[in-house]
Amino acid sequence: MSLMQHALRAGQTPGPAAPAAAQASALVVGAGGALGAAVLEQALGCGRYAQVQTLVRTPVAPALRGFEAITLAQLEATGSGSQSARADTAFIIFDRPRHANGRDAAFVRPEPDQLAALAGALKQAGVRRLLVVLPHAAALLPTALKLGLASLDEQAVAALGFEHALFVRSAQAPQRSAGSPLQRLAFWMLGQLHLMVPKQDQPVVATTAARVVVQLSLLLPEARPGTRVVPPELVWHAAQARDMTPVLQAWLHDGTVPQLSRDALPRY
């Protein structure tokens, strides 16, 4: 059973306490879907966050120590002076829905047009570091958008004054179709195009992409403040490295993506 499933089951024995050194707290918005669930699990399991919260539609009674489910009303109350939902770091994950037998129904699933409003609420609630995860179709993202802000909403978020704001552009595999035979054939033919996509533009599995995102969040306090756009190439390169930390540290320091050594093992 996954950490997320444990977190949403009431009446179980609480898990072990977070390490004494873990003082920071995190909030995950969009914990439904494969990528959102993976980010939540990585944040819970990394041992670096004393508390991990997630935004839910209705109150949930979690039993995992260090995990808390909060509603939008509770988040907005934090901006009015309440301390119950305060977090240092927040993740907003835009992920497509999945068939999970209703397990994801409790989580708030943000829509792109809600980005600016959500970011504003997080800033009012005291969030200092924001990571926005925006999966996209592999190899279809223009070069300019890999390196810069893609919309007025993203510009509005950058103008809110977060200590750190990261827009993570991670390549995403195409969604499988359960339609007619012709639709499935078209999907198969489009799927073959991945052979023509450069390796560094190919999708990374959700669990690995989530590790990259959470590790970036842990490195931000040591990086200089500012707004950054994480290109899909960086996510891919970090995913291939035996130790992704130096790769991410180097990028945060000077914006470059180190070359992989010849003996690096691919991890898709």
C-alpha atoms as a PDB file:
ATOM      1  CA  MET A   1       0.000   0.000   0.000  1.00  0.00           C
ATOM      2  CA  SER A   2       1.346   3.428  -0.913  1.00  0.00           C
ATOM      3  CA  LEU A   3       2.110   6.221   1.539  1.00  0.00           C
ATOM      4  CA  MET A   4      -0.765   8.235   0.099  1.00  0.00           C
ATOM      5  CA  GLN A   5      -3.222   5.404   0.679  1.00  0.00           C
ATOM      6  CA  HIS A   6      -1.975   5.063   4.254  1.00  0.00           C
ATOM      7  CA  ALA A   7      -2.425   8.799   4.724  1.00  0.00           C
ATOM      8  CA  LEU A   8      -6.060   8.695   3.706  1.00  0.00           C
ATOM      9  CA  ARG A   9      -7.020   5.754   5.867  1.00  0.00           C
ATOM     10  CA  ALA A  10      -8.309   6.686   9.286  1.00  0.00           C
ATOM     11  CA  GLY A  11      -8.087   4.446  12.290  1.00  0.00           C
ATOM     12  CA  GLN A  12      -4.582   3.133  11.599  1.00  0.00           C
ATOM     13  CA  THR A  13      -1.567   3.359  13.886  1.00  0.00           C
ATOM     14  CA  PRO A  14       0.313   6.624  13.213  1.00  0.00           C
ATOM     15  CA  GLY A  15       3.617   6.246  11.399  1.00  0.00           C
ATOM     16  CA  PRO A  16       7.006   7.206  12.791  1.00  0.00           C
ATOM     17  CA  ALA A  17       7.681  10.832  13.595  1.00  0.00           C
ATOM     18  CA  ALA A  18       9.708  12.943  11.171  1.00  0.00           C
ATOM     19  CA  PRO A  19      13.427  13.329  11.965  1.00  0.00           C
ATOM     20  CA  ALA A  20      14.201  16.019  14.506  1.00  0.00           C
ATOM     21  CA  ALA A  21      16.114  17.983  11.867  1.00  0.00           C
ATOM     22  CA  ALA A  22      13.031  18.213   9.648  1.00  0.00           C
ATOM     23  CA  GLN A  23      11.436  21.557  10.420  1.00  0.00           C
ATOM     24  CA  ALA A  24      10.078  22.693   7.050  1.00  0.00           C
ATOM     25  CA  SER A  25       6.529  22.003   5.887  1.00  0.00           C
ATOM     26  CA  ALA A  26       5.041  21.484   2.446  1.00  0.00           C
ATOM     27  CA  LEU A  27       1.625  21.749   0.798  1.00  0.00           C
ATOM     28  CA  VAL A  28       0.665  19.757  -2.305  1.00  0.00           C
ATOM     29  CA  VAL A  29      -2.135  21.106  -4.502  1.00  0.00           C
ATOM     30  CA  GLY A  30      -3.220  18.564  -7.104  1.00  0.00           C
ATOM     31  CA  ALA A  31      -2.301  15.314  -5.338  1.00  0.00           C
ATOM     32  CA  GLY A  32      -4.651  13.303  -7.527  1.00  0.00           C
ATOM     33  CA  GLY A  33      -3.392  11.784 -10.767  1.00  0.00           C
ATOM     34  CA  ALA A  34      -0.228   9.747 -11.229  1.00  0.00           C
ATOM     35  CA  LEU A  35       2.207  12.660 -10.988  1.00  0.00           C
ATOM     36  CA  GLY A  36       0.411  14.470  -8.174  1.00  0.00           C
ATOM     37  CA  ALA A  37       0.194  11.291  -6.101  1.00  0.00           C
ATOM     38  CA  ALA A  38       3.888  10.621  -6.704  1.00  0.00           C
ATOM     39  CA  VAL A  39       4.866  14.131  -5.561  1.00  0.00           C
ATOM     40  CA  LEU A  40       2.816  13.667  -2.392  1.00  0.00           C
ATOM     41  CA  GLU A  41       4.450  10.313  -1.679  1.00  0.00           C
ATOM     42  CA  GLN A  42       7.957  11.674  -2.301  1.00  0.00           C
ATOM     43  CA  ALA A  43       7.329  14.651  -0.025  1.00  0.00           C
ATOM     44  CA  LEU A  44       6.019  12.339   2.701  1.00  0.00           C
ATOM     45  CA  GLY A  45       8.841   9.856   2.321  1.00  0.00           C
ATOM     46  CA  CYS A  46      11.875  12.126   1.933  1.00  0.00           C
ATOM     47  CA  GLY A  47      12.139  12.741   5.679  1.00  0.00           C
ATOM     48  CA  ARG A  48      12.905  16.424   5.192  1.00  0.00           C
ATOM     49  CA  TYR A  49       9.437  17.832   5.790  1.00  0.00           C
ATOM     50  CA  ALA A  50       8.100  17.765   9.340  1.00  0.00           C
ATOM     51  CA  GLN A  51       4.587  18.151   7.947  1.00  0.00           C
ATOM     52  CA  VAL A  52       3.104  17.560   4.508  1.00  0.00           C
ATOM     53  CA  GLN A  53      -0.339  18.922   3.708  1.00  0.00           C
ATOM     54  CA  THR A  54      -2.565  18.453   0.697  1.00  0.00           C
ATOM     55  CA  LEU A  55      -5.562  20.427  -0.516  1.00  0.00           C
ATOM     56  CA  VAL A  56      -8.822  18.451  -0.474  1.00  0.00           C
ATOM     57  CA  ARG A  57     -12.411  19.147  -1.493  1.00  0.00           C
ATOM     58  CA  THR A  58     -13.910  17.968   1.780  1.00  0.00           C
ATOM     59  CA  PRO A  59     -12.357  17.328   5.210  1.00  0.00           C
ATOM     60  CA  VAL A  60     -10.428  14.045   5.483  1.00  0.00           C
ATOM     61  CA  ALA A  61      -9.293  12.313   8.683  1.00  0.00           C
ATOM     62  CA  PRO A  62      -5.753  11.095   7.900  1.00  0.00           C
ATOM     63  CA  ALA A  63      -3.854   8.852  10.301  1.00  0.00           C
ATOM     64  CA  LEU A  64      -0.264   9.109   9.042  1.00  0.00           C
ATOM     65  CA  ARG A  65       1.914  11.196  11.327  1.00  0.00           C
ATOM     66  CA  GLY A  66       3.134  14.353   9.630  1.00  0.00           C
ATOM     67  CA  PHE A  67       0.312  14.372   7.066  1.00  0.00           C
ATOM     68  CA  GLU A  68      -2.630  16.772   7.082  1.00  0.00           C
ATOM     69  CA  ALA A  69      -5.464  17.318   4.626  1.00  0.00           C
ATOM     70  CA  ILE A  70      -6.793  20.873   4.464  1.00  0.00           C
ATOM     71  CA  THR A  71      -9.590  22.551   2.541  1.00  0.00           C
ATOM     72  CA  LEU A  72      -9.407  25.740   0.516  1.00  0.00           C
ATOM     73  CA  ALA A  73     -11.293  27.519   3.313  1.00  0.00           C
ATOM     74  CA  GLN A  74      -8.593  26.502   5.788  1.00  0.00           C
ATOM     75  CA  LEU A  75      -5.897  27.705   3.408  1.00  0.00           C
ATOM     76  CA  GLU A  76      -7.605  31.070   3.011  1.00  0.00           C
ATOM     77  CA  ALA A  77      -8.013  31.310   6.795  1.00  0.00           C
ATOM     78  CA  THR A  78      -4.245  30.958   7.101  1.00  0.00           C
ATOM     79  CA  GLY A  79      -3.883  34.158   5.116  1.00  0.00           C
ATOM     80  CA  SER A  80      -6.096  35.830   7.707  1.00  0.00           C
ATOM     81  CA  GLY A  81      -3.796  34.939  10.571  1.00  0.00           C
ATOM     82  CA  SER A  82      -4.503  31.287  11.361  1.00  0.00           C
ATOM     83  CA  GLN A  83      -1.414  29.102  11.715  1.00  0.00           C
ATOM     84  CA  SER A  84      -3.126  25.751  11.167  1.00  0.00           C
ATOM     85  CA  ALA A  85      -2.332  25.456   7.470  1.00  0.00           C
ATOM     86  CA  ARG A  86       0.948  27.351   7.165  1.00  0.00           C
ATOM     87  CA  ALA A  87       3.585  25.826   4.845  1.00  0.00           C
ATOM     88  CA  ASP A  88       7.008  26.997   3.693  1.00  0.00           C
ATOM     89  CA  THR A  89       6.931  25.254   0.309  1.00  0.00           C
ATOM     90  CA  ALA A  90       3.994  24.543  -1.992  1.00  0.00           C
ATOM     91  CA  PHE A  91       3.581  22.404  -5.097  1.00  0.00           C
ATOM     92  CA  ILE A  92       0.854  22.987  -7.684  1.00  0.00           C
ATOM     93  CA  ILE A  93       0.601  19.992 -10.010  1.00  0.00           C
ATOM     94  CA  PHE A  94      -1.462  20.135 -13.173  1.00  0.00           C
ATOM     95  CA  ASP A  95      -2.073  16.471 -13.953  1.00  0.00           C
ATOM     96  CA  ARG A  96      -4.661  14.710 -16.040  1.00  0.00           C
ATOM     97  CA  PRO A  97      -7.234  12.611 -14.187  1.00  0.00           C
ATOM     98  CA  ARG A  98      -6.820   8.864 -13.930  1.00  0.00           C
ATOM     99  CA  HIS A  99      -9.056   5.896 -13.229  1.00  0.00           C
ATOM    100  CA  ALA A 100      -8.268   5.184  -9.580  1.00  0.00           C
ATOM    101  CA  ASN A 101     -11.585   3.788  -8.305  1.00  0.00           C
ATOM    102  CA  GLY A 102     -12.461   7.110  -6.727  1.00  0.00           C
ATOM    103  CA  ARG A 103      -9.284   7.387  -4.638  1.00  0.00           C
ATOM    104  CA  ASP A 104      -8.406  10.730  -6.229  1.00  0.00           C
ATOM    105  CA  ALA A 105     -11.863  12.258  -5.792  1.00  0.00           C
ATOM    106  CA  ALA A 106     -11.000  13.788  -2.426  1.00  0.00           C
ATOM    107  CA  PHE A 107      -8.164  15.881  -3.815  1.00  0.00           C
ATOM    108  CA  VAL A 108      -8.526  19.313  -5.388  1.00  0.00           C
ATOM    109  CA  ARG A 109      -7.518  19.052  -9.060  1.00  0.00           C
ATOM    110  CA  PRO A 110      -6.430  22.517 -10.199  1.00  0.00           C
ATOM    111  CA  GLU A 111      -7.165  23.809 -13.685  1.00  0.00           C
ATOM    112  CA  PRO A 112      -4.676  26.001 -15.576  1.00  0.00           C
ATOM    113  CA  ASP A 113      -6.930  29.059 -15.385  1.00  0.00           C
ATOM    114  CA  GLN A 114      -6.840  28.804 -11.569  1.00  0.00           C
ATOM    115  CA  LEU A 115      -3.061  29.161 -11.354  1.00  0.00           C
ATOM    116  CA  ALA A 116      -2.870  32.863 -10.521  1.00  0.00           C
ATOM    117  CA  ALA A 117      -5.646  32.693  -7.916  1.00  0.00           C
ATOM    118  CA  LEU A 118      -4.168  29.616  -6.232  1.00  0.00           C
ATOM    119  CA  ALA A 119      -0.700  31.129  -6.172  1.00  0.00           C
ATOM    120  CA  GLY A 120      -2.114  34.313  -4.662  1.00  0.00           C
ATOM    121  CA  ALA A 121      -3.847  32.327  -1.909  1.00  0.00           C
ATOM    122  CA  LEU A 122      -0.620  30.455  -1.189  1.00  0.00           C
ATOM    123  CA  LYS A 123       1.356  33.680  -0.990  1.00  0.00           C
ATOM    124  CA  GLN A 124      -1.215  35.131   1.416  1.00  0.00           C
ATOM    125  CA  ALA A 125      -0.913  31.954   3.493  1.00  0.00           C
ATOM    126  CA  GLY A 126       2.808  32.510   3.974  1.00  0.00           C
ATOM    127  CA  VAL A 127       4.291  30.180   1.352  1.00  0.00           C
ATOM    128  CA  ARG A 128       7.813  31.285   0.437  1.00  0.00           C
ATOM    129  CA  ARG A 129       8.746  28.723  -2.215  1.00  0.00           C
ATOM    130  CA  LEU A 130       6.389  27.653  -5.008  1.00  0.00           C
ATOM    131  CA  LEU A 131       6.911  24.877  -7.553  1.00  0.00           C
ATOM    132  CA  VAL A 132       4.401  24.678 -10.408  1.00  0.00           C
ATOM    133  CA  VAL A 133       4.555  21.390 -12.327  1.00  0.00           C
ATOM    134  CA  LEU A 134       3.242  21.621 -15.882  1.00  0.00           C
ATOM    135  CA  PRO A 135       3.489  18.373 -17.870  1.00  0.00           C
ATOM    136  CA  HIS A 136       3.352  18.737 -21.653  1.00  0.00           C
ATOM    137  CA  ALA A 137       3.356  16.516 -24.716  1.00  0.00           C
ATOM    138  CA  ALA A 138       6.865  15.302 -25.508  1.00  0.00           C
ATOM    139  CA  ALA A 139       8.776  17.374 -28.094  1.00  0.00           C
ATOM    140  CA  LEU A 140       5.830  19.718 -28.706  1.00  0.00           C
ATOM    141  CA  LEU A 141       6.959  22.515 -26.388  1.00  0.00           C
ATOM    142  CA  PRO A 142       8.525  25.457 -28.281  1.00  0.00           C
ATOM    143  CA  THR A 143      12.086  26.254 -27.259  1.00  0.00           C
ATOM    144  CA  ALA A 144      11.079  29.722 -26.063  1.00  0.00           C
ATOM    145  CA  LEU A 145       8.616  28.202 -23.581  1.00  0.00           C
ATOM    146  CA  LYS A 146      11.223  25.770 -22.264  1.00  0.00           C
ATOM    147  CA  LEU A 147      13.221  28.711 -20.997  1.00  0.00           C
ATOM    148  CA  GLY A 148      10.643  31.432 -20.344  1.00  0.00           C
ATOM    149  CA  LEU A 149       7.207  32.102 -18.937  1.00  0.00           C
ATOM    150  CA  ALA A 150       4.418  30.750 -21.102  1.00  0.00           C
ATOM    151  CA  SER A 151       1.402  32.891 -20.195  1.00  0.00           C
ATOM    152  CA  LEU A 152       0.130  36.000 -18.483  1.00  0.00           C
ATOM    153  CA  ASP A 153      -0.895  33.801 -15.551  1.00  0.00           C
ATOM    154  CA  GLU A 154       2.685  32.633 -15.103  1.00  0.00           C
ATOM    155  CA  GLN A 155       3.878  36.225 -15.292  1.00  0.00           C
ATOM    156  CA  ALA A 156       1.317  37.144 -12.635  1.00  0.00           C
ATOM    157  CA  VAL A 157       2.637  34.371 -10.381  1.00  0.00           C
ATOM    158  CA  ALA A 158       6.208  35.562 -10.894  1.00  0.00           C
ATOM    159  CA  ALA A 159       5.128  39.064  -9.871  1.00  0.00           C
ATOM    160  CA  LEU A 160       3.689  37.894  -6.537  1.00  0.00           C
ATOM    161  CA  GLY A 161       7.098  38.027  -4.907  1.00  0.00           C
ATOM    162  CA  PHE A 162       7.763  34.447  -3.850  1.00  0.00           C
ATOM    163  CA  GLU A 163      11.276  33.905  -2.548  1.00  0.00           C
ATOM    164  CA  HIS A 164      11.530  31.104  -5.127  1.00  0.00           C
ATOM    165  CA  ALA A 165       9.116  30.331  -7.972  1.00  0.00           C
ATOM    166  CA  LEU A 166       9.864  27.344 -10.209  1.00  0.00           C
ATOM    167  CA  PHE A 167       7.877  26.334 -13.274  1.00  0.00           C
ATOM    168  CA  VAL A 168       8.729  22.704 -13.999  1.00  0.00           C
ATOM    169  CA  ARG A 169       8.064  21.675 -17.598  1.00  0.00           C
ATOM    170  CA  SER A 170       8.153  17.889 -17.619  1.00  0.00           C
ATOM    171  CA  ALA A 171       7.456  15.855 -20.746  1.00  0.00           C
ATOM    172  CA  GLN A 172       4.423  13.580 -20.442  1.00  0.00           C
ATOM    173  CA  ALA A 173       3.559  10.413 -22.337  1.00  0.00           C
ATOM    174  CA  PRO A 174       0.408  10.624 -24.498  1.00  0.00           C
ATOM    175  CA  GLN A 175      -2.783   9.406 -22.880  1.00  0.00           C
ATOM    176  CA  ARG A 176      -3.954   6.022 -24.063  1.00  0.00           C
ATOM    177  CA  SER A 177      -7.282   5.897 -25.831  1.00  0.00           C
ATOM    178  CA  ALA A 178     -10.031   3.360 -25.245  1.00  0.00           C
ATOM    179  CA  GLY A 179     -12.040   4.479 -28.254  1.00  0.00           C
ATOM    180  CA  SER A 180     -12.824   2.838 -31.574  1.00  0.00           C
ATOM    181  CA  PRO A 181     -10.329   0.627 -33.451  1.00  0.00           C
ATOM    182  CA  LEU A 182      -9.503   3.551 -35.754  1.00  0.00           C
ATOM    183  CA  GLN A 183      -8.814   5.783 -32.755  1.00  0.00           C
ATOM    184  CA  ARG A 184      -6.567   3.128 -31.231  1.00  0.00           C
ATOM    185  CA  LEU A 185      -4.728   2.759 -34.534  1.00  0.00           C
ATOM    186  CA  ALA A 186      -4.208   6.525 -34.713  1.00  0.00           C
ATOM    187  CA  PHE A 187      -2.918   6.499 -31.145  1.00  0.00           C
ATOM    188  CA  TRP A 188      -0.487   3.675 -31.987  1.00  0.00           C
ATOM    189  CA  MET A 189       0.815   5.529 -35.037  1.00  0.00           C
ATOM    190  CA  LEU A 190       1.321   8.713 -33.033  1.00  0.00           C
ATOM    191  CA  GLY A 191       3.027   6.700 -30.335  1.00  0.00           C
ATOM    192  CA  GLN A 192       5.681   5.589 -32.804  1.00  0.00           C
ATOM    193  CA  LEU A 193       6.764   9.205 -33.159  1.00  0.00           C
ATOM    194  CA  HIS A 194       8.547   8.908 -29.819  1.00  0.00           C
ATOM    195  CA  LEU A 195      11.313   7.135 -31.757  1.00  0.00           C
ATOM    196  CA  MET A 196      11.971  10.459 -33.521  1.00  0.00           C
ATOM    197  CA  VAL A 197      12.011  12.506 -30.314  1.00  0.00           C
ATOM    198  CA  PRO A 198      15.460  13.346 -28.881  1.00  0.00           C
ATOM    199  CA  LYS A 199      16.141  11.396 -25.710  1.00  0.00           C
ATOM    200  CA  GLN A 200      16.266  14.488 -23.528  1.00  0.00           C
ATOM    201  CA  ASP A 201      12.756  15.450 -24.696  1.00  0.00           C
ATOM    202  CA  GLN A 202      11.197  12.081 -23.928  1.00  0.00           C
ATOM    203  CA  PRO A 203       8.837  11.563 -20.985  1.00  0.00           C
ATOM    204  CA  VAL A 204      10.076  10.551 -17.553  1.00  0.00           C
ATOM    205  CA  VAL A 205       7.904   8.238 -15.469  1.00  0.00           C
ATOM    206  CA  ALA A 206       5.813   9.993 -12.838  1.00  0.00           C
ATOM    207  CA  THR A 207       7.637   8.570  -9.821  1.00  0.00           C
ATOM    208  CA  THR A 208      11.017   9.707 -11.143  1.00  0.00           C
ATOM    209  CA  ALA A 209       9.740  13.131 -12.200  1.00  0.00           C
ATOM    210  CA  ALA A 210       8.302  13.515  -8.692  1.00  0.00           C
ATOM    211  CA  ARG A 211      11.707  12.727  -7.168  1.00  0.00           C
ATOM    212  CA  VAL A 212      13.232  15.493  -9.286  1.00  0.00           C
ATOM    213  CA  VAL A 213      10.542  17.980  -8.244  1.00  0.00           C
ATOM    214  CA  VAL A 214      10.821  17.221  -4.523  1.00  0.00           C
ATOM    215  CA  GLN A 215      14.624  17.244  -4.614  1.00  0.00           C
ATOM    216  CA  LEU A 216      14.524  20.665  -6.286  1.00  0.00           C
ATOM    217  CA  SER A 217      12.289  21.909  -3.489  1.00  0.00           C
ATOM    218  CA  LEU A 218      14.805  20.725  -0.891  1.00  0.00           C
ATOM    219  CA  LEU A 219      17.680  22.508  -2.643  1.00  0.00           C
ATOM    220  CA  LEU A 220      15.906  25.852  -3.051  1.00  0.00           C
ATOM    221  CA  PRO A 221      16.722  27.279   0.411  1.00  0.00           C
ATOM    222  CA  GLU A 222      20.427  27.237  -0.522  1.00  0.00           C
ATOM    223  CA  ALA A 223      19.893  28.794  -3.971  1.00  0.00           C
ATOM    224  CA  ARG A 224      19.665  32.469  -4.793  1.00  0.00           C
ATOM    225  CA  PRO A 225      16.080  33.777  -4.842  1.00  0.00           C
ATOM    226  CA  GLY A 226      14.214  34.293  -8.086  1.00  0.00           C
ATOM    227  CA  THR A 227      11.887  32.847 -10.705  1.00  0.00           C
ATOM    228  CA  ARG A 228      13.153  29.937 -12.789  1.00  0.00           C
ATOM    229  CA  VAL A 229      11.772  27.733 -15.550  1.00  0.00           C
ATOM    230  CA  VAL A 230      12.918  24.117 -15.326  1.00  0.00           C
ATOM    231  CA  PRO A 231      13.243  22.765 -18.895  1.00  0.00           C
ATOM    232  CA  PRO A 232      12.282  19.164 -19.716  1.00  0.00           C
ATOM    233  CA  GLU A 233      15.920  18.439 -20.560  1.00  0.00           C
ATOM    234  CA  LEU A 234      16.923  19.054 -16.952  1.00  0.00           C
ATOM    235  CA  VAL A 235      14.220  16.716 -15.653  1.00  0.00           C
ATOM    236  CA  TRP A 236      15.408  14.024 -18.071  1.00  0.00           C
ATOM    237  CA  HIS A 237      19.110  14.458 -17.279  1.00  0.00           C
ATOM    238  CA  ALA A 238      18.466  14.417 -13.536  1.00  0.00           C
ATOM    239  CA  ALA A 239      16.386  11.264 -13.939  1.00  0.00           C
ATOM    240  CA  GLN A 240      19.289   9.452 -15.615  1.00  0.00           C
ATOM    241  CA  ALA A 241      21.911  10.348 -13.009  1.00  0.00           C
ATOM    242  CA  ARG A 242      22.801   7.954 -10.192  1.00  0.00           C
ATOM    243  CA  ASP A 243      22.765  10.986  -7.899  1.00  0.00           C
ATOM    244  CA  MET A 244      20.540  13.766  -9.187  1.00  0.00           C
ATOM    245  CA  THR A 245      21.522  16.245  -6.482  1.00  0.00           C
ATOM    246  CA  PRO A 246      24.737  17.549  -8.167  1.00  0.00           C
ATOM    247  CA  VAL A 247      22.865  17.901 -11.472  1.00  0.00           C
ATOM    248  CA  LEU A 248      20.146  20.002  -9.873  1.00  0.00           C
ATOM    249  CA  GLN A 249      22.577  22.004  -7.741  1.00  0.00           C
ATOM    250  CA  ALA A 250      24.627  22.922 -10.806  1.00  0.00           C
ATOM    251  CA  TRP A 251      21.526  24.078 -12.656  1.00  0.00           C
ATOM    252  CA  LEU A 252      20.301  26.146  -9.714  1.00  0.00           C
ATOM    253  CA  HIS A 253      23.746  27.723  -9.443  1.00  0.00           C
ATOM    254  CA  ASP A 254      24.369  28.760 -13.046  1.00  0.00           C
ATOM    255  CA  GLY A 255      21.536  27.427 -15.212  1.00  0.00           C
ATOM    256  CA  THR A 256      23.555  24.766 -17.005  1.00  0.00           C
ATOM    257  CA  VAL A 257      22.752  21.086 -17.410  1.00  0.00           C
ATOM    258  CA  PRO A 258      25.874  18.949 -16.836  1.00  0.00           C
ATOM    259  CA  GLN A 259      26.714  16.228 -19.347  1.00  0.00           C
ATOM    260  CA  LEU A 260      26.066  12.667 -18.273  1.00  0.00           C
ATOM    261  CA  SER A 261      29.001  10.334 -17.768  1.00  0.00           C
ATOM    262  CA  ARG A 262      29.234   7.364 -20.122  1.00  0.00           C
ATOM    263  CA  ASP A 263      28.419   4.909 -17.359  1.00  0.00           C
ATOM    264  CA  ALA A 264      25.241   6.689 -16.275  1.00  0.00           C
ATOM    265  CA  LEU A 265      22.374   4.236 -16.169  1.00  0.00           C
ATOM    266  CA  PRO A 266      19.114   5.264 -17.881  1.00  0.00           C
ATOM    267  CA  ARG A 267      16.119   5.202 -15.564  1.00  0.00           C
ATOM    268  CA  TYR A 268      12.795   5.660 -17.295  1.00  0.00           C
END
